[in-house]
PDB file of N, CA and C in Angstrom:
ATOM      1  N   MET A   1      -5.446  16.098  -0.726  1.00  0.00           N
ATOM      2  CA  MET A   1      -4.635  15.534  -0.675  1.00  0.00           C
ATOM      3  C   MET A   1      -3.138  15.619  -0.008  1.00  0.00           C
ATOM      4  N   SER A   2      -2.390  15.295   0.956  1.00  0.00           N
ATOM      5  CA  SER A   2      -1.553  15.676   1.247  1.00  0.00           C
ATOM      6  C   SER A   2      -0.478  15.055   1.375  1.00  0.00           C
ATOM      7  N   TYR A   3       0.786  16.065   0.536  1.00  0.00           N
ATOM      8  CA  TYR A   3       1.815  15.336   0.467  1.00  0.00           C
ATOM      9  C   TYR A   3       2.681  14.643   1.922  1.00  0.00           C
ATOM     10  N   SER A   4       2.290  15.257   2.799  1.00  0.00           N
ATOM     11  CA  SER A   4       2.792  15.387   4.219  1.00  0.00           C
ATOM     12  C   SER A   4       2.315  13.582   4.731  1.00  0.00           C
ATOM     13  N   THR A   5       0.914  13.920   4.477  1.00  0.00           N
ATOM     14  CA  THR A   5       0.416  12.562   4.836  1.00  0.00           C
ATOM     15  C   THR A   5       0.785  11.390   4.137  1.00  0.00           C
ATOM     16  N   ILE A   6       1.123  11.514   2.538  1.00  0.00           N
ATOM     17  CA  ILE A   6       1.509  10.344   1.719  1.00  0.00           C
ATOM     18  C   ILE A   6       2.354   9.987   2.268  1.00  0.00           C
ATOM     19  N   THR A   7       3.715  11.179   2.857  1.00  0.00           N
ATOM     20  CA  THR A   7       4.699  10.540   3.273  1.00  0.00           C
ATOM     21  C   THR A   7       4.916  10.153   4.433  1.00  0.00           C
ATOM     22  N   THR A   8       3.883  10.610   5.478  1.00  0.00           N
ATOM     23  CA  THR A   8       3.911   9.563   7.022  1.00  0.00           C
ATOM     24  C   THR A   8       3.354   8.303   6.529  1.00  0.00           C
ATOM     25  N   CYS A   9       2.542   8.049   5.846  1.00  0.00           N
ATOM     26  CA  CYS A   9       1.962   6.308   5.199  1.00  0.00           C
ATOM     27  C   CYS A   9       2.961   6.047   5.018  1.00  0.00           C
ATOM     28  N   VAL A  10       3.656   6.061   4.173  1.00  0.00           N
ATOM     29  CA  VAL A  10       4.934   5.167   3.052  1.00  0.00           C
ATOM     30  C   VAL A  10       6.197   4.860   4.661  1.00  0.00           C
ATOM     31  N   GLY A  11       5.890   5.974   5.659  1.00  0.00           N
ATOM     32  CA  GLY A  11       7.211   5.555   6.397  1.00  0.00           C
ATOM     33  C   GLY A  11       6.654   4.797   7.630  1.00  0.00           C
ATOM     34  N   ASP A  12       5.104   4.454   7.406  1.00  0.00           N
ATOM     35  CA  ASP A  12       4.566   3.694   8.438  1.00  0.00           C
ATOM     36  C   ASP A  12       4.896   2.211   8.182  1.00  0.00           C
ATOM     37  N   PHE A  13       5.515   1.787   9.370  1.00  0.00           N
ATOM     38  CA  PHE A  13       5.826   0.065   9.484  1.00  0.00           C
ATOM     39  C   PHE A  13       4.638  -0.740   9.388  1.00  0.00           C
ATOM     40  N   ALA A  14       4.071  -0.714  10.198  1.00  0.00           N
ATOM     41  CA  ALA A  14       2.490  -1.457  10.194  1.00  0.00           C
ATOM     42  C   ALA A  14       1.988  -0.990   8.130  1.00  0.00           C
ATOM     43  N   PHE A  15       2.188  -0.523   7.743  1.00  0.00           N
ATOM     44  CA  PHE A  15       1.463  -0.097   6.382  1.00  0.00           C
ATOM     45  C   PHE A  15       2.524  -0.713   5.676  1.00  0.00           C
ATOM     46  N   GLN A  16       3.876  -0.441   6.001  1.00  0.00           N
ATOM     47  CA  GLN A  16       4.908  -1.086   4.804  1.00  0.00           C
ATOM     48  C   GLN A  16       4.325  -2.690   4.884  1.00  0.00           C
ATOM     49  N   SER A  17       4.838  -3.233   6.108  1.00  0.00           N
ATOM     50  CA  SER A  17       4.320  -4.528   6.217  1.00  0.00           C
ATOM     51  C   SER A  17       2.882  -5.342   5.453  1.00  0.00           C
ATOM     52  N   ARG A  18       2.070  -4.749   5.294  1.00  0.00           N
ATOM     53  CA  ARG A  18       0.676  -4.701   4.696  1.00  0.00           C
ATOM     54  C   ARG A  18       1.086  -4.743   3.371  1.00  0.00           C
ATOM     55  N   VAL A  19       1.396  -3.550   2.858  1.00  0.00           N
ATOM     56  CA  VAL A  19       1.618  -3.750   1.465  1.00  0.00           C
ATOM     57  C   VAL A  19       2.658  -4.728   1.104  1.00  0.00           C
ATOM     58  N   THR A  20       3.793  -5.175   1.724  1.00  0.00           N
ATOM     59  CA  THR A  20       4.610  -5.852   1.443  1.00  0.00           C
ATOM     60  C   THR A  20       3.708  -7.219   1.243  1.00  0.00           C
ATOM     61  N   ALA A  21       3.082  -7.882   2.530  1.00  0.00           N
ATOM     62  CA  ALA A  21       2.398  -9.387   2.368  1.00  0.00           C
ATOM     63  C   ALA A  21       1.352  -9.062   1.195  1.00  0.00           C
ATOM     64  N   CYS A  22       1.047  -8.155   0.794  1.00  0.00           N
ATOM     65  CA  CYS A  22      -0.230  -7.945  -0.450  1.00  0.00           C
ATOM     66  C   CYS A  22       0.717  -8.040  -1.645  1.00  0.00           C
ATOM     67  N   VAL A  23       1.786  -8.036  -1.894  1.00  0.00           N
ATOM     68  CA  VAL A  23       2.482  -7.730  -2.776  1.00  0.00           C
ATOM     69  C   VAL A  23       3.335  -9.392  -2.976  1.00  0.00           C
ATOM     70  N   ALA A  24       3.674  -9.537  -2.001  1.00  0.00           N
ATOM     71  CA  ALA A  24       4.096 -11.207  -1.887  1.00  0.00           C
ATOM     72  C   ALA A  24       3.173 -12.011  -2.383  1.00  0.00           C
ATOM     73  N   GLN A  25       1.854 -11.868  -1.740  1.00  0.00           N
ATOM     74  CA  GLN A  25       0.557 -12.568  -2.043  1.00  0.00           C
ATOM     75  C   GLN A  25       0.585 -12.780  -3.746  1.00  0.00           C
ATOM     76  N   GLU A  26       0.590 -11.467  -4.027  1.00  0.00           N
ATOM     77  CA  GLU A  26      -0.125 -11.560  -5.403  1.00  0.00           C
ATOM     78  C   GLU A  26       1.095 -11.972  -6.315  1.00  0.00           C
ATOM     79  N   GLN A  27       2.387 -11.769  -6.232  1.00  0.00           N
ATOM     80  CA  GLN A  27       3.432 -12.189  -6.799  1.00  0.00           C
ATOM     81  C   GLN A  27       3.257 -13.951  -6.823  1.00  0.00           C
ATOM     82  N   ILE A  28       2.874 -14.390  -5.849  1.00  0.00           N
ATOM     83  CA  ILE A  28       2.684 -15.979  -5.735  1.00  0.00           C
ATOM     84  C   ILE A  28       1.533 -16.476  -6.523  1.00  0.00           C
ATOM     85  N   ALA A  29       0.235 -15.462  -6.347  1.00  0.00           N
ATOM     86  CA  ALA A  29      -0.950 -15.710  -7.230  1.00  0.00           C
ATOM     87  C   ALA A  29      -0.759 -15.605  -8.770  1.00  0.00           C
ATOM     88  N   ARG A  30       0.186 -15.014  -9.133  1.00  0.00           N
ATOM     89  CA  ARG A  30       0.582 -14.696 -10.282  1.00  0.00           C
ATOM     90  C   ARG A  30       1.905 -15.633 -10.825  1.00  0.00           C
ATOM     91  N   ASP A  31       2.314 -16.405 -10.079  1.00  0.00           N
ATOM     92  CA  ASP A  31       3.404 -17.020 -10.694  1.00  0.00           C
ATOM     93  C   ASP A  31       4.551 -16.763 -10.984  1.00  0.00           C
ATOM     94  N   GLU A  32       4.851 -15.499 -10.541  1.00  0.00           N
ATOM     95  CA  GLU A  32       5.584 -14.829 -11.479  1.00  0.00           C
ATOM     96  C   GLU A  32       6.933 -14.494 -10.583  1.00  0.00           C
ATOM     97  N   PRO A  33       8.200 -14.428 -11.128  1.00  0.00           N
ATOM     98  CA  PRO A  33       9.413 -14.321 -10.493  1.00  0.00           C
ATOM     99  C   PRO A  33      10.345 -13.661  -9.751  1.00  0.00           C
ATOM    100  N   ALA A  34       9.474 -12.727 -10.075  1.00  0.00           N
ATOM    101  CA  ALA A  34       9.875 -10.916  -9.208  1.00  0.00           C
ATOM    102  C   ALA A  34      10.038 -11.075  -8.004  1.00  0.00           C
ATOM    103  N   ILE A  35      11.078 -10.445  -7.112  1.00  0.00           N
ATOM    104  CA  ILE A  35      11.285 -10.610  -6.166  1.00  0.00           C
ATOM    105  C   ILE A  35      10.225  -9.367  -5.382  1.00  0.00           C
ATOM    106  N   PRO A  36       9.503  -9.340  -4.235  1.00  0.00           N
ATOM    107  CA  PRO A  36       8.549  -8.201  -3.974  1.00  0.00           C
ATOM    108  C   PRO A  36       9.586  -7.135  -3.746  1.00  0.00           C
ATOM    109  N   SER A  37      10.396  -7.218  -3.367  1.00  0.00           N
ATOM    110  CA  SER A  37      11.180  -5.926  -2.829  1.00  0.00           C
ATOM    111  C   SER A  37      11.786  -4.727  -4.081  1.00  0.00           C
ATOM    112  N   THR A  38      11.560  -5.608  -5.414  1.00  0.00           N
ATOM    113  CA  THR A  38      11.688  -5.198  -6.700  1.00  0.00           C
ATOM    114  C   THR A  38      11.072  -3.915  -7.119  1.00  0.00           C
ATOM    115  N   ILE A  39       9.520  -4.340  -6.649  1.00  0.00           N
ATOM    116  CA  ILE A  39       8.388  -3.461  -6.881  1.00  0.00           C
ATOM    117  C   ILE A  39       7.889  -2.478  -5.607  1.00  0.00           C
ATOM    118  N   LEU A  40       8.676  -3.168  -4.673  1.00  0.00           N
ATOM    119  CA  LEU A  40       7.818  -2.495  -3.365  1.00  0.00           C
ATOM    120  C   LEU A  40       8.258  -1.042  -3.282  1.00  0.00           C
ATOM    121  N   PRO A  41       9.371  -0.235  -3.372  1.00  0.00           N
ATOM    122  CA  PRO A  41       8.868   1.000  -3.258  1.00  0.00           C
ATOM    123  C   PRO A  41       8.129   1.694  -4.071  1.00  0.00           C
ATOM    124  N   PRO A  42       8.105   1.578  -5.093  1.00  0.00           N
ATOM    125  CA  PRO A  42       6.979   2.177  -6.178  1.00  0.00           C
ATOM    126  C   PRO A  42       5.697   1.791  -5.569  1.00  0.00           C
ATOM    127  N   MET A  43       5.303   0.741  -5.178  1.00  0.00           N
ATOM    128  CA  MET A  43       4.087  -0.215  -4.693  1.00  0.00           C
ATOM    129  C   MET A  43       3.556   1.047  -4.019  1.00  0.00           C
ATOM    130  N   LEU A  44       4.491   1.368  -2.815  1.00  0.00           N
ATOM    131  CA  LEU A  44       4.046   2.078  -1.271  1.00  0.00           C
ATOM    132  C   LEU A  44       3.726   2.945  -1.781  1.00  0.00           C
ATOM    133  N   TRP A  45       4.369   3.886  -2.527  1.00  0.00           N
ATOM    134  CA  TRP A  45       4.178   5.452  -3.003  1.00  0.00           C
ATOM    135  C   TRP A  45       2.725   5.180  -3.582  1.00  0.00           C
ATOM    136  N   ALA A  46       2.271   4.172  -4.654  1.00  0.00           N
ATOM    137  CA  ALA A  46       1.137   3.992  -5.335  1.00  0.00           C
ATOM    138  C   ALA A  46      -0.049   3.908  -4.659  1.00  0.00           C
ATOM    139  N   VAL A  47       0.216   2.697  -3.678  1.00  0.00           N
ATOM    140  CA  VAL A  47      -0.811   2.600  -2.849  1.00  0.00           C
ATOM    141  C   VAL A  47      -1.327   4.258  -1.626  1.00  0.00           C
ATOM    142  N   ALA A  48      -0.039   4.471  -1.146  1.00  0.00           N
ATOM    143  CA  ALA A  48      -0.430   5.567  -0.028  1.00  0.00           C
ATOM    144  C   ALA A  48      -0.902   6.744  -0.807  1.00  0.00           C
ATOM    145  N   SER A  49      -1.046   6.708  -1.837  1.00  0.00           N
ATOM    146  CA  SER A  49      -1.136   8.082  -2.942  1.00  0.00           C
ATOM    147  C   SER A  49      -2.747   8.200  -3.576  1.00  0.00           C
ATOM    148  N   ALA A  50      -3.055   6.988  -3.478  1.00  0.00           N
ATOM    149  CA  ALA A  50      -4.606   6.547  -3.847  1.00  0.00           C
ATOM    150  C   ALA A  50      -5.237   7.567  -2.913  1.00  0.00           C
ATOM    151  N   SER A  51      -6.168   8.187  -3.612  1.00  0.00           N
ATOM    152  CA  SER A  51      -6.870   9.034  -2.604  1.00  0.00           C
ATOM    153  C   SER A  51      -7.926   8.343  -1.743  1.00  0.00           C
ATOM    154  N   ASP A  52      -8.236   7.336  -1.661  1.00  0.00           N
ATOM    155  CA  ASP A  52      -9.554   7.171  -0.698  1.00  0.00           C
ATOM    156  C   ASP A  52      -8.280   6.406   0.612  1.00  0.00           C
ATOM    157  N   VAL A  53      -6.959   5.782  -0.042  1.00  0.00           N
ATOM    158  CA  VAL A  53      -6.307   5.639   1.133  1.00  0.00           C
ATOM    159  C   VAL A  53      -5.692   6.684   1.667  1.00  0.00           C
ATOM    160  N   GLU A  54      -5.358   7.555   1.229  1.00  0.00           N
ATOM    161  CA  GLU A  54      -4.621   8.974   1.412  1.00  0.00           C
ATOM    162  C   GLU A  54      -5.667   9.590   2.689  1.00  0.00           C
ATOM    163  N   ASP A  55      -7.087   9.565   1.964  1.00  0.00           N
ATOM    164  CA  ASP A  55      -8.140  10.331   3.059  1.00  0.00           C
ATOM    165  C   ASP A  55      -8.137   9.704   4.487  1.00  0.00           C
ATOM    166  N   ALA A  56      -8.147   8.070   4.321  1.00  0.00           N
ATOM    167  CA  ALA A  56      -8.365   7.295   5.346  1.00  0.00           C
ATOM    168  C   ALA A  56      -7.553   7.701   6.109  1.00  0.00           C
ATOM    169  N   TYR A  57      -6.259   7.452   5.838  1.00  0.00           N
ATOM    170  CA  TYR A  57      -5.060   7.864   6.622  1.00  0.00           C
ATOM    171  C   TYR A  57      -4.891   9.064   7.094  1.00  0.00           C
ATOM    172  N   ALA A  58      -5.334   9.725   6.578  1.00  0.00           N
ATOM    173  CA  ALA A  58      -5.347  11.636   7.144  1.00  0.00           C
ATOM    174  C   ALA A  58      -6.296  11.678   8.238  1.00  0.00           C
ATOM    175  N   TYR A  59      -7.627  10.789   7.702  1.00  0.00           N
ATOM    176  CA  TYR A  59      -8.688  10.979   8.759  1.00  0.00           C
ATOM    177  C   TYR A  59      -8.372  10.115  10.085  1.00  0.00           C
ATOM    178  N   ALA A  60      -7.518   9.322  10.156  1.00  0.00           N
ATOM    179  CA  ALA A  60      -7.102   8.517  11.356  1.00  0.00           C
ATOM    180  C   ALA A  60      -5.958   9.194  11.657  1.00  0.00           C
ATOM    181  N   LEU A  61      -4.835  10.006  11.461  1.00  0.00           N
ATOM    182  CA  LEU A  61      -3.939  11.061  12.318  1.00  0.00           C
ATOM    183  C   LEU A  61      -4.924  12.009  12.877  1.00  0.00           C
ATOM    184  N   ASN A  62      -5.688  12.520  12.275  1.00  0.00           N
ATOM    185  CA  ASN A  62      -6.453  13.860  12.597  1.00  0.00           C
ATOM    186  C   ASN A  62      -7.544  13.743  13.764  1.00  0.00           C
ATOM    187  N   THR A  63      -7.616  12.074  13.967  1.00  0.00           N
ATOM    188  CA  THR A  63      -8.552  11.965  15.050  1.00  0.00           C
ATOM    189  C   THR A  63      -7.634  11.201  16.339  1.00  0.00           C
ATOM    190  N   GLY A  64      -6.605  11.080  15.951  1.00  0.00           N
ATOM    191  CA  GLY A  64      -5.831  10.370  17.300  1.00  0.00           C
ATOM    192  C   GLY A  64      -5.713   8.859  17.136  1.00  0.00           C
ATOM    193  N   ASN A  65      -5.770   8.299  16.093  1.00  0.00           N
ATOM    194  CA  ASN A  65      -5.583   7.011  15.918  1.00  0.00           C
ATOM    195  C   ASN A  65      -3.742   6.965  16.219  1.00  0.00           C
ATOM    196  N   PRO A  66      -4.048   5.963  17.049  1.00  0.00           N
ATOM    197  CA  PRO A  66      -2.107   5.157  17.212  1.00  0.00           C
ATOM    198  C   PRO A  66      -1.328   4.649  16.002  1.00  0.00           C
ATOM    199  N   ASN A  67      -2.362   4.151  15.478  1.00  0.00           N
ATOM    200  CA  ASN A  67      -2.096   2.997  14.327  1.00  0.00           C
ATOM    201  C   ASN A  67      -2.354   2.832  13.156  1.00  0.00           C
ATOM    202  N   PRO A  68      -2.882   3.807  12.601  1.00  0.00           N
ATOM    203  CA  PRO A  68      -3.367   3.964  11.572  1.00  0.00           C
ATOM    204  C   PRO A  68      -2.977   2.990  10.240  1.00  0.00           C
ATOM    205  N   GLY A  69      -1.708   2.961   9.835  1.00  0.00           N
ATOM    206  CA  GLY A  69      -1.442   2.102   8.975  1.00  0.00           C
ATOM    207  C   GLY A  69      -1.670   0.412   9.458  1.00  0.00           C
ATOM    208  N   GLY A  70      -1.513   0.008  10.590  1.00  0.00           N
ATOM    209  CA  GLY A  70      -1.946  -1.150  10.878  1.00  0.00           C
ATOM    210  C   GLY A  70      -3.484  -1.647  11.238  1.00  0.00           C
ATOM    211  N   ASP A  71      -4.602  -0.380  11.402  1.00  0.00           N
ATOM    212  CA  ASP A  71      -5.399  -0.487  11.592  1.00  0.00           C
ATOM    213  C   ASP A  71      -6.567  -0.943  10.615  1.00  0.00           C
ATOM    214  N   GLU A  72      -7.048  -2.564  10.362  1.00  0.00           N
ATOM    215  CA  GLU A  72      -7.747  -2.363   9.268  1.00  0.00           C
ATOM    216  C   GLU A  72      -9.370  -1.741   8.794  1.00  0.00           C
ATOM    217  N   THR A  73      -9.693  -1.219   9.806  1.00  0.00           N
ATOM    218  CA  THR A  73     -10.831  -0.433   9.870  1.00  0.00           C
ATOM    219  C   THR A  73     -10.439   0.866   9.202  1.00  0.00           C
ATOM    220  N   VAL A  74      -9.310   1.376   8.901  1.00  0.00           N
ATOM    221  CA  VAL A  74      -8.641   2.534   8.620  1.00  0.00           C
ATOM    222  C   VAL A  74      -8.151   2.354   6.959  1.00  0.00           C
ATOM    223  N   ILE A  75      -7.514   1.513   6.754  1.00  0.00           N
ATOM    224  CA  ILE A  75      -7.118   1.255   5.640  1.00  0.00           C
ATOM    225  C   ILE A  75      -7.723  -0.541   5.594  1.00  0.00           C
ATOM    226  N   THR A  76      -7.923  -0.909   4.438  1.00  0.00           N
ATOM    227  CA  THR A  76      -8.790  -2.203   4.732  1.00  0.00           C
ATOM    228  C   THR A  76      -8.105  -3.027   3.285  1.00  0.00           C
ATOM    229  N   ASP A  77      -7.628  -3.802   3.910  1.00  0.00           N
ATOM    230  CA  ASP A  77      -7.258  -5.073   3.100  1.00  0.00           C
ATOM    231  C   ASP A  77      -7.297  -4.822   1.507  1.00  0.00           C
ATOM    232  N   GLY A  78      -8.792  -4.892   1.270  1.00  0.00           N
ATOM    233  CA  GLY A  78      -9.666  -4.587   0.119  1.00  0.00           C
ATOM    234  C   GLY A  78      -9.266  -3.266  -0.845  1.00  0.00           C
ATOM    235  N   MET A  79      -8.557  -2.594   0.158  1.00  0.00           N
ATOM    236  CA  MET A  79      -7.958  -1.110  -0.337  1.00  0.00           C
ATOM    237  C   MET A  79      -6.823  -1.418  -1.202  1.00  0.00           C
ATOM    238  N   ILE A  80      -5.974  -2.098   0.032  1.00  0.00           N
ATOM    239  CA  ILE A  80      -4.732  -2.620  -0.446  1.00  0.00           C
ATOM    240  C   ILE A  80      -4.663  -3.125  -1.690  1.00  0.00           C
ATOM    241  N   LEU A  81      -5.271  -4.212  -1.786  1.00  0.00           N
ATOM    242  CA  LEU A  81      -5.161  -5.332  -2.701  1.00  0.00           C
ATOM    243  C   LEU A  81      -5.894  -4.612  -4.449  1.00  0.00           C
ATOM    244  N   ALA A  82      -6.915  -3.717  -4.266  1.00  0.00           N
ATOM    245  CA  ALA A  82      -7.194  -3.072  -5.403  1.00  0.00           C
ATOM    246  C   ALA A  82      -5.992  -2.036  -5.822  1.00  0.00           C
ATOM    247  N   HIS A  83      -5.501  -1.278  -5.104  1.00  0.00           N
ATOM    248  CA  HIS A  83      -4.264  -0.778  -5.328  1.00  0.00           C
ATOM    249  C   HIS A  83      -3.064  -1.005  -5.641  1.00  0.00           C
ATOM    250  N   VAL A  84      -2.773  -2.467  -5.201  1.00  0.00           N
ATOM    251  CA  VAL A  84      -1.741  -3.143  -5.701  1.00  0.00           C
ATOM    252  C   VAL A  84      -1.853  -3.471  -7.094  1.00  0.00           C
ATOM    253  N   GLN A  85      -3.292  -4.212  -7.084  1.00  0.00           N
ATOM    254  CA  GLN A  85      -3.635  -5.112  -8.265  1.00  0.00           C
ATOM    255  C   GLN A  85      -3.412  -3.951  -9.583  1.00  0.00           C
ATOM    256  N   ALA A  86      -4.091  -2.545  -9.312  1.00  0.00           N
ATOM    257  CA  ALA A  86      -4.235  -1.731 -10.303  1.00  0.00           C
ATOM    258  C   ALA A  86      -2.911  -1.267 -10.697  1.00  0.00           C
ATOM    259  N   ASN A  87      -1.943  -1.313  -9.607  1.00  0.00           N
ATOM    260  CA  ASN A  87      -0.609  -0.630  -9.765  1.00  0.00           C
ATOM    261  C   ASN A  87       0.931  -1.512 -10.273  1.00  0.00           C
ATOM    262  N   TRP A  88       0.199  -2.711 -10.359  1.00  0.00           N
ATOM    263  CA  TRP A  88       1.293  -4.147 -11.116  1.00  0.00           C
ATOM    264  C   TRP A  88       1.638  -3.843 -11.964  1.00  0.00           C
ATOM    265  N   PRO A  89       3.041  -3.926 -12.501  1.00  0.00           N
ATOM    266  CA  PRO A  89       4.072  -3.837 -13.405  1.00  0.00           C
ATOM    267  C   PRO A  89       3.580  -4.848 -14.687  1.00  0.00           C
ATOM    268  N   ALA A  90       3.587  -4.005 -15.643  1.00  0.00           N
ATOM    269  CA  ALA A  90       2.989  -5.277 -16.827  1.00  0.00           C
ATOM    270  C   ALA A  90       4.115  -6.126 -17.214  1.00  0.00           C
ATOM    271  N   ALA A  91       3.687  -7.459 -17.383  1.00  0.00           N
ATOM    272  CA  ALA A  91       4.762  -8.459 -17.467  1.00  0.00           C
ATOM    273  C   ALA A  91       5.751  -7.871 -18.897  1.00  0.00           C
ATOM    274  N   PRO A  92       7.164  -7.893 -18.627  1.00  0.00           N
ATOM    275  CA  PRO A  92       8.068  -7.886 -19.717  1.00  0.00           C
ATOM    276  C   PRO A  92       7.629  -8.520 -21.210  1.00  0.00           C
ATOM    277  N   THR A  93       7.801  -7.855 -22.336  1.00  0.00           N
ATOM    278  CA  THR A  93       7.396  -8.492 -23.539  1.00  0.00           C
ATOM    279  C   THR A  93       8.760  -9.213 -23.958  1.00  0.00           C
ATOM    280  N   PRO A  94       8.399 -10.706 -24.338  1.00  0.00           N
ATOM    281  CA  PRO A  94       9.808 -11.384 -24.746  1.00  0.00           C
ATOM    282  C   PRO A  94      10.281 -10.582 -26.140  1.00  0.00           C
TER     283      PRO A  94
END
């Protein structure tokens, strides 16, 4: 794992956009009133820090992929979804 790779991934606009879309879909599917932007920053870090995502992103960078965050063959939608769901904040207790 490389903190540099994770940081580069989090700063990748295409990656940010894909995670944002996933968070928005999950919010709608869960019928939750939370605004995606409130959980997006920590979610970006959680997804980028996942070992499979970080490994795939690092490999893509090392092989010269010009768009690792937007390339669905590097980081699949399924990978993003799995990590978003695993890191979704618990509903507050009433």
